[in-house]
Protein backbone atom coordinates (compact mmCIF):
# COMPACT_ATOMS: atom_id res chain seq x y z
CA MET A 1 44.32 190.69 20.34
CA GLU A 2 43.86 186.93 20.66
CA ARG A 3 40.10 187.37 20.97
CA LYS A 4 40.03 189.39 17.75
CA ASN A 5 41.97 186.66 15.92
CA ASN A 6 39.51 184.04 17.14
CA VAL A 7 36.60 186.07 15.75
CA VAL A 8 38.37 186.52 12.41
CA ASN A 9 39.18 182.81 12.19
CA LYS A 10 35.52 181.95 12.78
CA LEU A 11 34.41 184.32 10.02
CA ILE A 12 37.06 183.30 7.50
CA ASP A 13 38.28 179.76 6.94
CA VAL A 14 42.04 180.41 6.85
CA ASN A 15 42.55 176.93 5.40
CA ASP A 16 40.36 177.65 2.37
CA THR A 17 42.04 177.35 -1.01
CA VAL A 18 42.45 180.59 -2.95
CA LEU A 19 42.10 180.21 -6.72
CA SER A 20 43.03 182.54 -9.55
CA VAL A 21 40.85 183.24 -12.56
CA GLU A 22 43.10 180.93 -14.56
CA ASP A 23 42.69 178.12 -12.00
CA VAL A 24 38.91 178.40 -12.15
CA ALA A 25 38.95 178.54 -15.96
CA GLU A 26 40.90 175.30 -16.05
CA MET A 27 38.57 173.64 -13.54
CA LEU A 28 35.42 174.69 -15.41
CA ARG A 29 37.00 174.13 -18.85
CA ILE A 30 36.19 177.64 -20.05
CA SER A 31 38.40 180.57 -20.97
CA PRO A 32 39.71 183.01 -18.35
CA TRP A 33 37.63 185.70 -20.06
CA GLY A 34 34.55 183.49 -19.58
CA VAL A 35 35.30 183.33 -15.86
CA ARG A 36 35.70 187.12 -15.68
CA LYS A 37 32.38 187.64 -17.49
CA ARG A 38 30.61 185.34 -15.03
CA ILE A 39 32.18 187.24 -12.13
CA LEU A 40 31.06 190.59 -13.58
CA ARG A 41 27.52 189.22 -14.04
CA GLY A 42 27.49 188.02 -10.44
CA GLN A 43 27.31 184.36 -11.44
CA LEU A 44 30.60 183.50 -9.72
CA PRO A 45 31.87 184.89 -6.41
CA ALA A 46 35.20 186.72 -6.34
CA HIS A 47 37.26 189.09 -4.25
CA LYS A 48 39.25 191.89 -5.84
CA ARG A 49 42.61 192.90 -4.43
CA GLY A 50 44.11 195.69 -6.50
CA LYS A 51 43.78 194.56 -10.10
CA ARG A 52 43.68 190.84 -9.27
CA LEU A 53 40.61 188.69 -8.75
CA TYR A 54 40.67 185.80 -6.30
CA ILE A 55 38.09 183.09 -5.81
CA LEU A 56 37.73 181.02 -2.64
CA LYS A 57 37.21 177.38 -3.52
CA SER A 58 34.47 176.91 -0.90
CA GLU A 59 32.51 179.89 -2.30
CA LEU A 60 32.93 178.59 -5.84
CA VAL A 61 31.60 175.15 -4.86
CA ASP A 62 28.65 176.71 -3.00
CA SER A 63 27.88 178.93 -5.99
CA ILE A 64 27.91 176.00 -8.40
CA ARG A 65 25.72 173.88 -6.11
CA THR A 66 23.05 176.57 -5.83
CA GLN A 67 22.77 177.23 -9.57
């Protein structure tokens, strides 16, 4: 079990900050709907859990840097 946890920790940065759509909207100074549109277009990375969208800060920064 410990080996499996080590593999998961290497794949996922457990210390990464998880942001909501509202957090990202505030950071980018756009509306939450604008964030959702960009996610639907594939312009911003997001993970869906149920009805909620979550954005990892590191993925958001990488996405912005590559645009």
